[in-house]
C-alpha atoms as a PDB file:
ATOM      1  CA  MET A   1      60.904-108.488 -92.698  1.00  0.00           C
ATOM      2  CA  ILE A   2      59.979-104.876 -93.506  1.00  0.00           C
ATOM      3  CA  SER A   3      57.618-102.670 -91.519  1.00  0.00           C
ATOM      4  CA  ASN A   4      55.818-100.385 -93.963  1.00  0.00           C
ATOM      5  CA  ILE A   5      54.331 -97.237 -92.390  1.00  0.00           C
ATOM      6  CA  VAL A   6      51.848 -95.473 -94.676  1.00  0.00           C
ATOM      7  CA  PHE A   7      50.170 -92.110 -94.107  1.00  0.00           C
ATOM      8  CA  THR A   8      46.762 -91.238 -95.528  1.00  0.00           C
ATOM      9  CA  LYS A   9      44.144 -88.496 -95.362  1.00  0.00           C
ATOM     10  CA  ASN A  10      41.050 -88.006 -97.574  1.00  0.00           C
ATOM     11  CA  ARG A  11      42.382 -90.212-100.391  1.00  0.00           C
ATOM     12  CA  PRO A  12      40.797 -93.691-100.373  1.00  0.00           C
ATOM     13  CA  LEU A  13      41.105 -94.064-104.153  1.00  0.00           C
ATOM     14  CA  GLN A  14      44.776 -93.125-104.094  1.00  0.00           C
ATOM     15  CA  LEU A  15      45.512 -95.234-101.023  1.00  0.00           C
ATOM     16  CA  GLU A  16      44.019 -98.259-102.764  1.00  0.00           C
ATOM     17  CA  ALA A  17      46.293 -97.594-105.746  1.00  0.00           C
ATOM     18  CA  TYR A  18      49.272 -97.401-103.391  1.00  0.00           C
ATOM     19  CA  LEU A  19      48.427-100.702-101.682  1.00  0.00           C
ATOM     20  CA  GLU A  20      47.534-102.573-104.854  1.00  0.00           C
ATOM     21  CA  SER A  21      50.661-101.445-106.694  1.00  0.00           C
ATOM     22  CA  MET A  22      52.957-101.926-103.704  1.00  0.00           C
ATOM     23  CA  TYR A  23      51.810-105.498-103.139  1.00  0.00           C
ATOM     24  CA  ARG A  24      52.014-106.198-106.856  1.00  0.00           C
ATOM     25  CA  TYR A  25      55.699-105.291-107.032  1.00  0.00           C
ATOM     26  CA  LEU A  26      57.064-105.846-103.518  1.00  0.00           C
ATOM     27  CA  PRO A  27      57.138-109.192-101.648  1.00  0.00           C
ATOM     28  CA  ARG A  28      53.917-109.259 -99.639  1.00  0.00           C
ATOM     29  CA  GLU A  29      55.151-112.099 -97.442  1.00  0.00           C
ATOM     30  CA  LEU A  30      58.008-109.907 -96.183  1.00  0.00           C
ATOM     31  CA  ILE A  31      55.978-106.770 -95.471  1.00  0.00           C
ATOM     32  CA  GLN A  32      53.758-105.784 -92.560  1.00  0.00           C
ATOM     33  CA  THR A  33      51.896-102.606 -93.428  1.00  0.00           C
ATOM     34  CA  TYR A  34      50.721-100.084 -90.841  1.00  0.00           C
ATOM     35  CA  ILE A  35      48.345 -97.332 -92.001  1.00  0.00           C
ATOM     36  CA  ILE A  36      48.209 -94.129 -89.955  1.00  0.00           C
ATOM     37  CA  TYR A  37      44.841 -92.782 -91.001  1.00  0.00           C
ATOM     38  CA  LYS A  38      43.752 -89.178 -90.447  1.00  0.00           C
ATOM     39  CA  ARG A  39      39.964 -89.279 -90.116  1.00  0.00           C
ATOM     40  CA  GLU A  40      38.231 -86.392 -91.832  1.00  0.00           C
ATOM     41  CA  LEU A  41      36.278 -87.313 -94.964  1.00  0.00           C
ATOM     42  CA  PHE A  42      35.068 -90.501 -96.670  1.00  0.00           C
ATOM     43  CA  GLU A  43      34.866 -92.770 -93.618  1.00  0.00           C
ATOM     44  CA  GLU A  44      32.672 -95.340 -95.373  1.00  0.00           C
ATOM     45  CA  GLU A  45      35.006 -95.653 -98.356  1.00  0.00           C
ATOM     46  CA  TYR A  46      38.021 -96.002 -96.098  1.00  0.00           C
ATOM     47  CA  GLN A  47      36.364 -98.749 -94.057  1.00  0.00           C
ATOM     48  CA  GLN A  48      35.532-100.631 -97.238  1.00  0.00           C
ATOM     49  CA  LEU A  49      39.141-100.335 -98.354  1.00  0.00           C
ATOM     50  CA  PHE A  50      40.517-101.461 -94.991  1.00  0.00           C
ATOM     51  CA  SER A  51      38.269-104.521 -95.164  1.00  0.00           C
ATOM     52  CA  GLN A  52      39.848-105.440 -98.480  1.00  0.00           C
ATOM     53  CA  TYR A  53      43.316-105.284 -96.915  1.00  0.00           C
ATOM     54  CA  ALA A  54      42.593-107.033 -93.649  1.00  0.00           C
ATOM     55  CA  ASP A  55      46.259-107.904 -93.101  1.00  0.00           C
ATOM     56  CA  CYS A  56      47.135-104.197 -92.786  1.00  0.00           C
ATOM     57  CA  ILE A  57      47.089-102.715 -89.285  1.00  0.00           C
ATOM     58  CA  VAL A  58      45.107 -99.449 -89.231  1.00  0.00           C
ATOM     59  CA  ILE A  59      45.898 -96.755 -86.660  1.00  0.00           C
ATOM     60  CA  LYS A  60      43.270 -94.027 -86.472  1.00  0.00           C
ATOM     61  CA  GLU A  61      45.205 -90.852 -85.842  1.00  0.00           C
ATOM     62  CA  ASN A  62      44.412 -89.004 -82.650  1.00  0.00           C
ATOM     63  CA  ASP A  63      47.725 -87.274 -81.955  1.00  0.00           C
ATOM     64  CA  PHE A  64      50.091 -87.763 -84.896  1.00  0.00           C
ATOM     65  CA  HIS A  65      53.238 -87.208 -82.843  1.00  0.00           C
ATOM     66  CA  GLY A  66      52.250 -89.640 -80.100  1.00  0.00           C
ATOM     67  CA  ASP A  67      50.669 -92.183 -82.448  1.00  0.00           C
ATOM     68  CA  PHE A  68      53.744 -92.316 -84.652  1.00  0.00           C
ATOM     69  CA  LEU A  69      56.235 -92.578 -81.781  1.00  0.00           C
ATOM     70  CA  LYS A  70      54.194 -95.331 -80.114  1.00  0.00           C
ATOM     71  CA  LEU A  71      54.117 -97.338 -83.335  1.00  0.00           C
ATOM     72  CA  LEU A  72      57.831 -96.798 -83.952  1.00  0.00           C
ATOM     73  CA  SER A  73      58.676 -98.028 -80.445  1.00  0.00           C
ATOM     74  CA  GLN A  74      56.839-101.305 -81.149  1.00  0.00           C
ATOM     75  CA  ILE A  75      58.612-102.068 -84.416  1.00  0.00           C
ATOM     76  CA  ASN A  76      61.475-104.551 -84.274  1.00  0.00           C
ATOM     77  CA  THR A  77      61.902-105.553 -87.918  1.00  0.00           C
ATOM     78  CA  LYS A  78      65.258-105.070 -89.610  1.00  0.00           C
ATOM     79  CA  PHE A  79      63.963-102.455 -92.038  1.00  0.00           C
ATOM     80  CA  ILE A  80      61.352 -99.693 -92.278  1.00  0.00           C
ATOM     81  CA  LEU A  81      59.730 -98.485 -95.485  1.00  0.00           C
ATOM     82  CA  PHE A  82      57.574 -95.365 -95.431  1.00  0.00           C
ATOM     83  CA  GLY A  83      54.738 -94.600 -97.811  1.00  0.00           C
ATOM     84  CA  VAL A  84      52.267 -91.820 -98.649  1.00  0.00           C
ATOM     85  CA  ASP A  85      48.878 -92.364-100.262  1.00  0.00           C
ATOM     86  CA  ASP A  86      49.733 -90.560-103.524  1.00  0.00           C
ATOM     87  CA  VAL A  87      52.684 -92.856-104.319  1.00  0.00           C
ATOM     88  CA  VAL A  88      52.318 -95.586-106.953  1.00  0.00           C
ATOM     89  CA  TYR A  89      54.693 -98.497-107.632  1.00  0.00           C
ATOM     90  CA  PHE A  90      55.368 -99.737-111.147  1.00  0.00           C
ATOM     91  CA  ASP A  91      58.567-101.818-110.844  1.00  0.00           C
ATOM     92  CA  SER A  92      60.595-103.695-108.261  1.00  0.00           C
ATOM     93  CA  VAL A  93      64.088-104.529-107.054  1.00  0.00           C
ATOM     94  CA  ASP A  94      64.842-108.038-105.837  1.00  0.00           C
ATOM     95  CA  PHE A  95      64.789-107.906-102.036  1.00  0.00           C
ATOM     96  CA  GLU A  96      67.895-110.106-101.936  1.00  0.00           C
ATOM     97  CA  ILE A  97      69.798-107.235-103.584  1.00  0.00           C
ATOM     98  CA  ILE A  98      68.473-104.716-101.070  1.00  0.00           C
ATOM     99  CA  ASP A  99      69.297-106.898 -98.082  1.00  0.00           C
ATOM    100  CA  GLU A 100      72.756-107.728 -99.410  1.00  0.00           C
ATOM    101  CA  THR A 101      73.487-104.044-100.014  1.00  0.00           C
ATOM    102  CA  PHE A 102      72.975-103.271 -96.335  1.00  0.00           C
ATOM    103  CA  ASN A 103      75.056-106.322 -95.405  1.00  0.00           C
ATOM    104  CA  SER A 104      77.888-105.419 -97.810  1.00  0.00           C
ATOM    105  CA  PHE A 105      78.093-101.718 -96.897  1.00  0.00           C
ATOM    106  CA  PRO A 106      76.803-101.526 -93.311  1.00  0.00           C
ATOM    107  CA  GLU A 107      78.755 -98.407 -92.350  1.00  0.00           C
ATOM    108  CA  ASP A 108      77.966 -96.455 -95.522  1.00  0.00           C
ATOM    109  CA  THR A 109      74.308 -97.165 -96.269  1.00  0.00           C
ATOM    110  CA  PHE A 110      71.751 -94.616 -95.099  1.00  0.00           C
ATOM    111  CA  GLY A 111      68.989 -96.177 -97.148  1.00  0.00           C
ATOM    112  CA  PHE A 112      68.026 -98.014-100.337  1.00  0.00           C
ATOM    113  CA  SER A 113      65.897 -95.801-102.555  1.00  0.00           C
ATOM    114  CA  LEU A 114      63.173 -97.130-104.835  1.00  0.00           C
ATOM    115  CA  ARG A 115      62.647 -93.733-106.488  1.00  0.00           C
ATOM    116  CA  PHE A 116      66.076 -93.111-108.060  1.00  0.00           C
ATOM    117  CA  SER A 117      67.656 -94.275-111.306  1.00  0.00           C
ATOM    118  CA  LYS A 118      71.134 -93.554-112.622  1.00  0.00           C
ATOM    119  CA  GLU A 119      69.595 -91.585-115.504  1.00  0.00           C
ATOM    120  CA  SER A 120      67.533 -89.322-113.261  1.00  0.00           C
ATOM    121  CA  ILE A 121      70.452 -88.700-110.887  1.00  0.00           C
ATOM    122  CA  ARG A 122      73.035 -88.045-113.575  1.00  0.00           C
ATOM    123  CA  GLY A 123      70.637 -85.588-115.156  1.00  0.00           C
ATOM    124  CA  GLY A 124      71.209 -83.420-112.087  1.00  0.00           C
ATOM    125  CA  SER A 125      75.033 -83.663-112.370  1.00  0.00           C
ATOM    126  CA  ASP A 126      75.532 -85.693-109.175  1.00  0.00           C
ATOM    127  CA  PRO A 127      78.374 -88.218-109.440  1.00  0.00           C
ATOM    128  CA  VAL A 128      77.056 -91.791-109.352  1.00  0.00           C
ATOM    129  CA  SER A 129      79.135 -94.723-108.110  1.00  0.00           C
ATOM    130  CA  GLU A 130      78.612 -98.333-109.167  1.00  0.00           C
ATOM    131  CA  ALA A 131      78.955-101.620-107.287  1.00  0.00           C
ATOM    132  CA  VAL A 132      78.001-105.250-107.857  1.00  0.00           C
ATOM    133  CA  VAL A 133      75.790-106.922-105.244  1.00  0.00           C
ATOM    134  CA  ALA A 134      74.275-110.399-105.556  1.00  0.00           C
ATOM    135  CA  GLY A 135      75.495-110.468-109.145  1.00  0.00           C
ATOM    136  CA  GLN A 136      73.723-107.269-110.180  1.00  0.00           C
ATOM    137  CA  THR A 137      74.825-103.668-110.620  1.00  0.00           C
ATOM    138  CA  ILE A 138      73.611-101.114-108.111  1.00  0.00           C
ATOM    139  CA  TYR A 139      74.383 -97.406-107.766  1.00  0.00           C
ATOM    140  CA  SER A 140      74.968 -94.925-104.984  1.00  0.00           C
ATOM    141  CA  ILE A 141      75.223 -91.202-104.312  1.00  0.00           C
ATOM    142  CA  ASN A 142      76.702 -89.271-101.420  1.00  0.00           C
ATOM    143  CA  TRP A 143      73.676 -87.340-100.161  1.00  0.00           C
ATOM    144  CA  GLU A 144      75.851 -85.068 -97.996  1.00  0.00           C
ATOM    145  CA  GLN A 145      77.377 -83.715-101.230  1.00  0.00           C
ATOM    146  CA  GLY A 146      74.127 -83.748-103.200  1.00  0.00           C
ATOM    147  CA  ARG A 147      73.851 -81.116-105.911  1.00  0.00           C
ATOM    148  CA  THR A 148      70.071 -81.004-106.227  1.00  0.00           C
ATOM    149  CA  PRO A 149      67.274 -80.603-103.659  1.00  0.00           C
ATOM    150  CA  ILE A 150      66.339 -84.266-104.163  1.00  0.00           C
ATOM    151  CA  THR A 151      69.816 -85.792-103.846  1.00  0.00           C
ATOM    152  CA  ARG A 152      70.696 -83.853-100.703  1.00  0.00           C
ATOM    153  CA  TYR A 153      67.398 -84.817 -99.045  1.00  0.00           C
ATOM    154  CA  PRO A 154      68.206 -88.132 -97.356  1.00  0.00           C
ATOM    155  CA  PHE A 155      65.117 -88.768 -95.222  1.00  0.00           C
ATOM    156  CA  GLU A 156      61.901 -88.996 -97.203  1.00  0.00           C
ATOM    157  CA  LEU A 157      58.578 -90.785 -96.726  1.00  0.00           C
ATOM    158  CA  CYS A 158      57.733 -91.978-100.241  1.00  0.00           C
ATOM    159  CA  ALA A 159      59.772 -95.041-101.196  1.00  0.00           C
ATOM    160  CA  THR A 160      63.080 -95.558 -99.377  1.00  0.00           C
ATOM    161  CA  ILE A 161      63.982 -98.546 -97.204  1.00  0.00           C
ATOM    162  CA  TYR A 162      65.940 -97.675 -94.049  1.00  0.00           C
ATOM    163  CA  PRO A 163      67.493 -99.726 -91.243  1.00  0.00           C
ATOM    164  CA  THR A 164      65.062 -99.566 -88.326  1.00  0.00           C
ATOM    165  CA  ALA A 165      67.880 -98.769 -85.891  1.00  0.00           C
ATOM    166  CA  LEU A 166      68.854 -95.745 -87.993  1.00  0.00           C
ATOM    167  CA  VAL A 167      65.271 -94.437 -88.159  1.00  0.00           C
ATOM    168  CA  LYS A 168      64.919 -94.717 -84.386  1.00  0.00           C
ATOM    169  CA  LYS A 169      68.242 -92.921 -83.923  1.00  0.00           C
ATOM    170  CA  VAL A 170      67.380 -89.908 -86.071  1.00  0.00           C
ATOM    171  CA  ILE A 171      63.817 -89.642 -84.710  1.00  0.00           C
ATOM    172  CA  ASN A 172      65.090 -89.832 -81.150  1.00  0.00           C
ATOM    173  CA  ASN A 173      67.555 -87.014 -81.829  1.00  0.00           C
ATOM    174  CA  THR A 174      64.967 -84.834 -83.535  1.00  0.00           C
ATOM    175  CA  LYS A 175      62.417 -84.814 -80.722  1.00  0.00           C
ATOM    176  CA  ASN A 176      62.895 -83.478 -77.208  1.00  0.00           C
ATOM    177  CA  ASN A 177      63.541 -86.406 -74.854  1.00  0.00           C
ATOM    178  CA  ASN A 178      63.082 -84.617 -71.541  1.00  0.00           C
ATOM    179  CA  PRO A 179      59.969 -86.215 -69.922  1.00  0.00           C
ATOM    180  CA  LEU A 180      59.060 -83.063 -68.006  1.00  0.00           C
ATOM    181  CA  VAL A 181      59.372 -80.843 -71.076  1.00  0.00           C
ATOM    182  CA  SER A 182      57.367 -83.337 -73.132  1.00  0.00           C
ATOM    183  CA  LYS A 183      54.556 -83.230 -70.569  1.00  0.00           C
ATOM    184  CA  LEU A 184      54.548 -79.465 -70.119  1.00  0.00           C
ATOM    185  CA  PHE A 185      54.797 -78.697 -73.825  1.00  0.00           C
ATOM    186  CA  SER A 186      52.263 -81.138 -75.232  1.00  0.00           C
ATOM    187  CA  PRO A 187      49.450 -79.786 -77.455  1.00  0.00           C
ATOM    188  CA  SER A 188      46.796 -80.394 -74.791  1.00  0.00           C
ATOM    189  CA  SER A 189      48.781 -79.053 -71.828  1.00  0.00           C
ATOM    190  CA  VAL A 190      47.562 -76.118 -69.715  1.00  0.00           C
ATOM    191  CA  LEU A 191      50.840 -74.297 -70.364  1.00  0.00           C
ATOM    192  CA  ILE A 192      50.447 -74.445 -74.133  1.00  0.00           C
ATOM    193  CA  ARG A 193      46.842 -73.255 -73.902  1.00  0.00           C
ATOM    194  CA  MET A 194      47.971 -70.267 -71.821  1.00  0.00           C
ATOM    195  CA  LEU A 195      50.955 -69.424 -74.044  1.00  0.00           C
ATOM    196  CA  GLY A 196      48.734 -69.830 -77.090  1.00  0.00           C
ATOM    197  CA  LYS A 197      46.971 -66.594 -76.137  1.00  0.00           C
ATOM    198  CA  VAL A 198      50.110 -64.601 -76.937  1.00  0.00           C
ATOM    199  CA  LYS A 199      51.958 -66.804 -79.447  1.00  0.00           C
ATOM    200  CA  SER A 200      51.075 -69.476 -81.946  1.00  0.00           C
ATOM    201  CA  PRO A 201      51.021 -72.893 -80.195  1.00  0.00           C
ATOM    202  CA  ARG A 202      52.350 -74.437 -83.392  1.00  0.00           C
ATOM    203  CA  SER A 203      55.501 -72.274 -83.343  1.00  0.00           C
ATOM    204  CA  ILE A 204      56.075 -73.088 -79.659  1.00  0.00           C
ATOM    205  CA  LEU A 205      55.675 -76.828 -80.148  1.00  0.00           C
ATOM    206  CA  LYS A 206      57.830 -76.767 -83.245  1.00  0.00           C
ATOM    207  CA  SER A 207      60.836 -75.698 -81.179  1.00  0.00           C
ATOM    208  CA  PHE A 208      60.399 -78.866 -79.098  1.00  0.00           C
ATOM    209  CA  GLY A 209      60.435 -81.198 -82.088  1.00  0.00           C
ATOM    210  CA  TYR A 210      56.700 -81.875 -82.195  1.00  0.00           C
ATOM    211  CA  PHE A 211      55.539 -83.494 -85.472  1.00  0.00           C
ATOM    212  CA  TYR A 212      52.159 -82.298 -86.743  1.00  0.00           C
ATOM    213  CA  GLY A 213      51.927 -84.714 -89.635  1.00  0.00           C
ATOM    214  CA  PRO A 214      53.940 -86.516 -92.327  1.00  0.00           C
ATOM    215  CA  ASN A 215      55.240 -83.258 -93.834  1.00  0.00           C
ATOM    216  CA  THR A 216      56.719 -81.921 -90.598  1.00  0.00           C
ATOM    217  CA  LEU A 217      58.006 -85.375 -89.658  1.00  0.00           C
ATOM    218  CA  GLU A 218      59.867 -85.614 -92.954  1.00  0.00           C
ATOM    219  CA  SER A 219      61.184 -82.066 -93.131  1.00  0.00           C
ATOM    220  CA  TRP A 220      62.335 -81.747 -89.499  1.00  0.00           C
ATOM    221  CA  VAL A 221      64.033 -85.136 -89.433  1.00  0.00           C
ATOM    222  CA  CYS A 222      65.686 -84.448 -92.774  1.00  0.00           C
ATOM    223  CA  ARG A 223      66.956 -81.104 -91.512  1.00  0.00           C
ATOM    224  CA  TRP A 224      68.470 -82.801 -88.471  1.00  0.00           C
ATOM    225  CA  CYS A 225      70.209 -85.319 -90.745  1.00  0.00           C
ATOM    226  CA  GLN A 226      71.620 -82.555 -92.930  1.00  0.00           C
ATOM    227  CA  ASN A 227      72.899 -80.644 -89.896  1.00  0.00           C
ATOM    228  CA  ASN A 228      74.444 -83.754 -88.344  1.00  0.00           C
ATOM    229  CA  SER A 229      75.699 -85.628 -91.380  1.00  0.00           C
ATOM    230  CA  GLU A 230      78.983 -86.504 -89.651  1.00  0.00           C
ATOM    231  CA  LEU A 231      76.994 -88.828 -87.339  1.00  0.00           C
ATOM    232  CA  LEU A 232      75.291 -90.724 -90.167  1.00  0.00           C
ATOM    233  CA  PRO A 233      76.032 -92.977 -93.155  1.00  0.00           C
ATOM    234  CA  ASN A 234      76.429 -90.802 -96.230  1.00  0.00           C
ATOM    235  CA  TYR A 235      75.286 -93.032 -99.085  1.00  0.00           C
ATOM    236  CA  LEU A 236      71.911 -93.733-100.616  1.00  0.00           C
ATOM    237  CA  TYR A 237      71.918 -96.855-102.795  1.00  0.00           C
ATOM    238  CA  PHE A 238      69.515 -97.665-105.615  1.00  0.00           C
ATOM    239  CA  GLN A 239      69.125 -99.729-108.763  1.00  0.00           C
ATOM    240  CA  LYS A 240      66.152 -98.342-110.693  1.00  0.00           C
ATOM    241  CA  ILE A 241      63.117 -96.164-110.167  1.00  0.00           C
ATOM    242  CA  CYS A 242      60.178 -98.243-108.945  1.00  0.00           C
ATOM    243  CA  ALA A 243      57.755 -95.654-107.551  1.00  0.00           C
ATOM    244  CA  SER A 244      56.682 -92.062-108.049  1.00  0.00           C
ATOM    245  CA  ALA A 245      54.448 -89.625-106.171  1.00  0.00           C
ATOM    246  CA  MET A 246      51.507 -88.556-108.343  1.00  0.00           C
ATOM    247  CA  GLN A 247      50.796 -84.985-107.315  1.00  0.00           C
ATOM    248  CA  VAL A 248      47.298 -84.338-108.616  1.00  0.00           C
ATOM    249  CA  ASN A 249      45.704 -82.933-105.444  1.00  0.00           C
ATOM    250  CA  MET A 250      46.614 -81.601-102.014  1.00  0.00           C
ATOM    251  CA  VAL A 251      45.404 -82.603 -98.555  1.00  0.00           C
ATOM    252  CA  ASN A 252      48.075 -80.969 -96.363  1.00  0.00           C
ATOM    253  CA  THR A 253      48.790 -77.249 -96.316  1.00  0.00           C
ATOM    254  CA  SER A 254      52.019 -77.173 -94.292  1.00  0.00           C
ATOM    255  CA  THR A 255      54.061 -77.942 -97.411  1.00  0.00           C
ATOM    256  CA  ASN A 256      53.284 -76.281-100.732  1.00  0.00           C
ATOM    257  CA  ASN A 257      53.810 -79.233-103.068  1.00  0.00           C
ATOM    258  CA  GLU A 258      53.103 -78.606-106.733  1.00  0.00           C
ATOM    259  CA  THR A 259      49.849 -80.246-107.849  1.00  0.00           C
ATOM    260  CA  ASN A 260      47.641 -80.415-110.913  1.00  0.00           C
ATOM    261  CA  ASP A 261      45.060 -78.229-109.109  1.00  0.00           C
ATOM    262  CA  SER A 262      42.213 -79.444-111.350  1.00  0.00           C
ATOM    263  CA  MET A 263      38.614 -79.707-110.161  1.00  0.00           C
ATOM    264  CA  GLU A 264      38.553 -83.142-111.811  1.00  0.00           C
ATOM    265  CA  HIS A 265      41.129 -84.399-109.314  1.00  0.00           C
ATOM    266  CA  THR A 266      39.944 -82.885-106.033  1.00  0.00           C
ATOM    267  CA  VAL A 267      39.576 -85.424-103.239  1.00  0.00           C
ATOM    268  CA  GLU A 268      35.784 -84.969-103.404  1.00  0.00           C
ATOM    269  CA  ALA A 269      35.656 -85.586-107.169  1.00  0.00           C
ATOM    270  CA  LEU A 270      37.925 -88.627-106.958  1.00  0.00           C
ATOM    271  CA  ASN A 271      35.897 -90.115-104.129  1.00  0.00           C
ATOM    272  CA  GLU A 272      32.735 -89.893-106.240  1.00  0.00           C
ATOM    273  CA  ARG A 273      34.564 -91.790-108.999  1.00  0.00           C
ATOM    274  CA  TYR A 274      35.809 -94.287-106.438  1.00  0.00           C
ATOM    275  CA  LYS A 275      32.246 -95.014-105.266  1.00  0.00           C
ATOM    276  CA  THR A 276      31.225 -95.831-108.843  1.00  0.00           C
ATOM    277  CA  GLY A 277      33.982 -98.411-109.217  1.00  0.00           C
ATOM    278  CA  HIS A 278      36.725 -96.320-110.815  1.00  0.00           C
ATOM    279  CA  ARG A 279      40.316 -97.123-109.890  1.00  0.00           C
ATOM    280  CA  LEU A 280      43.739 -95.866-110.891  1.00  0.00           C
ATOM    281  CA  ASP A 281      44.984 -97.723-113.973  1.00  0.00           C
ATOM    282  CA  ILE A 282      48.152 -99.254-112.553  1.00  0.00           C
ATOM    283  CA  ASP A 283      48.761-101.189-115.776  1.00  0.00           C
ATOM    284  CA  PHE A 284      48.960 -97.858-117.616  1.00  0.00           C
ATOM    285  CA  VAL A 285      51.498 -96.531-115.104  1.00  0.00           C
ATOM    286  CA  SER A 286      53.551 -99.744-115.311  1.00  0.00           C
ATOM    287  CA  LYS A 287      53.573 -99.615-119.098  1.00  0.00           C
ATOM    288  CA  ASN A 288      54.625 -95.960-119.308  1.00  0.00           C
ATOM    289  CA  LYS A 289      56.851 -95.836-116.185  1.00  0.00           C
ATOM    290  CA  PRO A 290      57.488 -92.347-114.756  1.00  0.00           C
ATOM    291  CA  THR A 291      61.152 -91.349-114.795  1.00  0.00           C
ATOM    292  CA  ALA A 292      61.189 -88.922-111.867  1.00  0.00           C
ATOM    293  CA  THR A 293      60.457 -88.954-108.150  1.00  0.00           C
ATOM    294  CA  HIS A 294      57.266 -86.950-108.743  1.00  0.00           C
ATOM    295  CA  CYS A 295      54.836 -86.884-111.645  1.00  0.00           C
ATOM    296  CA  GLY A 296      51.435 -85.449-112.487  1.00  0.00           C
ATOM    297  CA  MET A 297      48.148 -86.031-114.256  1.00  0.00           C
ATOM    298  CA  GLU A 298      49.786 -87.441-117.411  1.00  0.00           C
ATOM    299  CA  PHE A 299      50.094 -90.752-115.537  1.00  0.00           C
ATOM    300  CA  PHE A 300      46.884 -90.473-113.527  1.00  0.00           C
ATOM    301  CA  LYS A 301      44.389 -92.430-115.616  1.00  0.00           C
ATOM    302  CA  LEU A 302      41.239 -93.928-114.123  1.00  0.00           C
ATOM    303  CA  THR A 303      39.574 -97.086-115.340  1.00  0.00           C
ATOM    304  CA  LYS A 304      36.259 -98.714-114.414  1.00  0.00           C
ATOM    305  CA  SER A 305      37.176-101.788-112.432  1.00  0.00           C
ATOM    306  CA  LEU A 306      35.253-104.986-113.062  1.00  0.00           C
ATOM    307  CA  TYR A 307      36.401-106.181-109.658  1.00  0.00           C
ATOM    308  CA  ALA A 308      35.454-103.187-107.505  1.00  0.00           C
ATOM    309  CA  ALA A 309      33.588-104.795-104.644  1.00  0.00           C
ATOM    310  CA  THR A 310      30.452-103.560-102.933  1.00  0.00           C
ATOM    311  CA  THR A 311      30.511-103.059 -99.177  1.00  0.00           C
ATOM    312  CA  ILE A 312      28.683-106.378 -98.609  1.00  0.00           C
ATOM    313  CA  GLN A 313      31.116-108.221-100.887  1.00  0.00           C
ATOM    314  CA  VAL A 314      34.038-106.731 -98.997  1.00  0.00           C
ATOM    315  CA  ILE A 315      32.629-107.893 -95.646  1.00  0.00           C
ATOM    316  CA  ILE A 316      32.192-111.407 -97.019  1.00  0.00           C
ATOM    317  CA  MET A 317      35.729-111.481 -98.415  1.00  0.00           C
ATOM    318  CA  SER A 318      37.114-110.211 -95.125  1.00  0.00           C
ATOM    319  CA  LYS A 319      35.306-112.941 -93.160  1.00  0.00           C
ATOM    320  CA  PHE A 320      36.538-115.586 -95.573  1.00  0.00           C
ATOM    321  CA  TYR A 321      40.130-114.296 -95.359  1.00  0.00           C
ATOM    322  CA  THR A 322      40.048-114.354 -91.540  1.00  0.00           C
ATOM    323  CA  MET A 323      38.740-117.918 -91.571  1.00  0.00           C
ATOM    324  CA  TRP A 324      41.193-119.140 -94.217  1.00  0.00           C
ATOM    325  CA  LYS A 325      44.288-117.951 -92.305  1.00  0.00           C
ATOM    326  CA  ARG A 326      43.915-120.841 -89.803  1.00  0.00           C
ATOM    327  CA  PRO A 327      44.957-124.312 -91.102  1.00  0.00           C
ATOM    328  CA  LEU A 328      42.299-126.079 -88.993  1.00  0.00           C
ATOM    329  CA  ASN A 329      39.590-123.822 -90.433  1.00  0.00           C
ATOM    330  CA  ARG A 330      40.773-124.577 -93.957  1.00  0.00           C
ATOM    331  CA  THR A 331      40.429-128.318 -93.294  1.00  0.00           C
ATOM    332  CA  ILE A 332      36.927-127.901 -91.858  1.00  0.00           C
ATOM    333  CA  PHE A 333      35.916-125.644 -94.758  1.00  0.00           C
ATOM    334  CA  LEU A 334      37.131-128.018 -97.484  1.00  0.00           C
ATOM    335  CA  SER A 335      35.449-130.946 -95.760  1.00  0.00           C
ATOM    336  CA  GLY A 336      32.161-129.038 -95.477  1.00  0.00           C
ATOM    337  CA  LEU A 337      32.307-127.857 -99.080  1.00  0.00           C
ATOM    338  CA  ALA A 338      32.783-131.448-100.264  1.00  0.00           C
ATOM    339  CA  LYS A 339      29.599-132.467 -98.457  1.00  0.00           C
ATOM    340  CA  SER A 340      27.415-129.530 -99.550  1.00  0.00           C
ATOM    341  CA  PRO A 341      27.810-126.847-102.269  1.00  0.00           C
ATOM    342  CA  ARG A 342      25.793-124.483-100.012  1.00  0.00           C
ATOM    343  CA  TYR A 343      28.345-124.766 -97.201  1.00  0.00           C
ATOM    344  CA  LEU A 344      30.180-121.561 -98.178  1.00  0.00           C
ATOM    345  CA  SER A 345      27.078-119.370 -98.366  1.00  0.00           C
ATOM    346  CA  ASP A 346      25.724-120.801 -95.103  1.00  0.00           C
ATOM    347  CA  MET A 347      29.029-120.210 -93.321  1.00  0.00           C
ATOM    348  CA  LEU A 348      29.323-116.572 -94.446  1.00  0.00           C
ATOM    349  CA  SER A 349      25.686-115.642 -93.872  1.00  0.00           C
END
């Protein structure tokens, strides 16, 4: 079982593309998805989307640091996969291979990446090792000796599967674990409000390992890993690139990621397209397959979906899904439908 933690803000169209593509290529029955949702814009569109994916657990962000740590403490699956709403999947690796990789190299494996290929790694001059697992060839790199910014960046939130125990270890070492310090130096504390008059609260909290969002979570944890590599497994394994981050707009300002910066792809413009039934063309992405960890507007094609549901349709589908999950309800439903064709409409009304 894999716990998939996804972060989203102001991107319902892109989040839907992430979820649809992820479930198309990864084994849905093995994945429990948690969505940490930063409420700002497009509440109605988000609620419609969440209704479509009723099996996902949505956490409305109040305090990112506290919300994330609380969720992490409750996870007990073997693996954790992170995701961000601008990532799209277009291929897959057999989960048996991933699981067997961790079992075969338990002391060496930091994570199994779904965003690397031997071609993309060798293009950056990093040495790539080969191994055979479950009858198939896989590859690995030593991230501690990485020769590019990507290959020496072990902890990322796009498409890498990590052992849960390892994630908890590095997170626990990144944050300050003193209960008194945590209470005194929390964003809402009296002390921080007083100190904030003479110094930026953000810079104060940063020194205590406080995560403001996905970008600071990723960068601070990664920095800790790089500075303490002797305490960690040094190898990232992979087979082929299965996902890429499509950087066509920006919602966070703490990290200056390169984007298309086109008015056509602002979150406001894309949400208007989303409301009229437009969706990312995942078939186009799957056919053309990006070859790098990040890509741009050349892969970001929208198509008018014939299956884009209205809000009422989504509510009906959600009610039906909730009912259908229980075996007894399924029996009652099929019996009722056999007696009367109007049974379904009466039940959902």
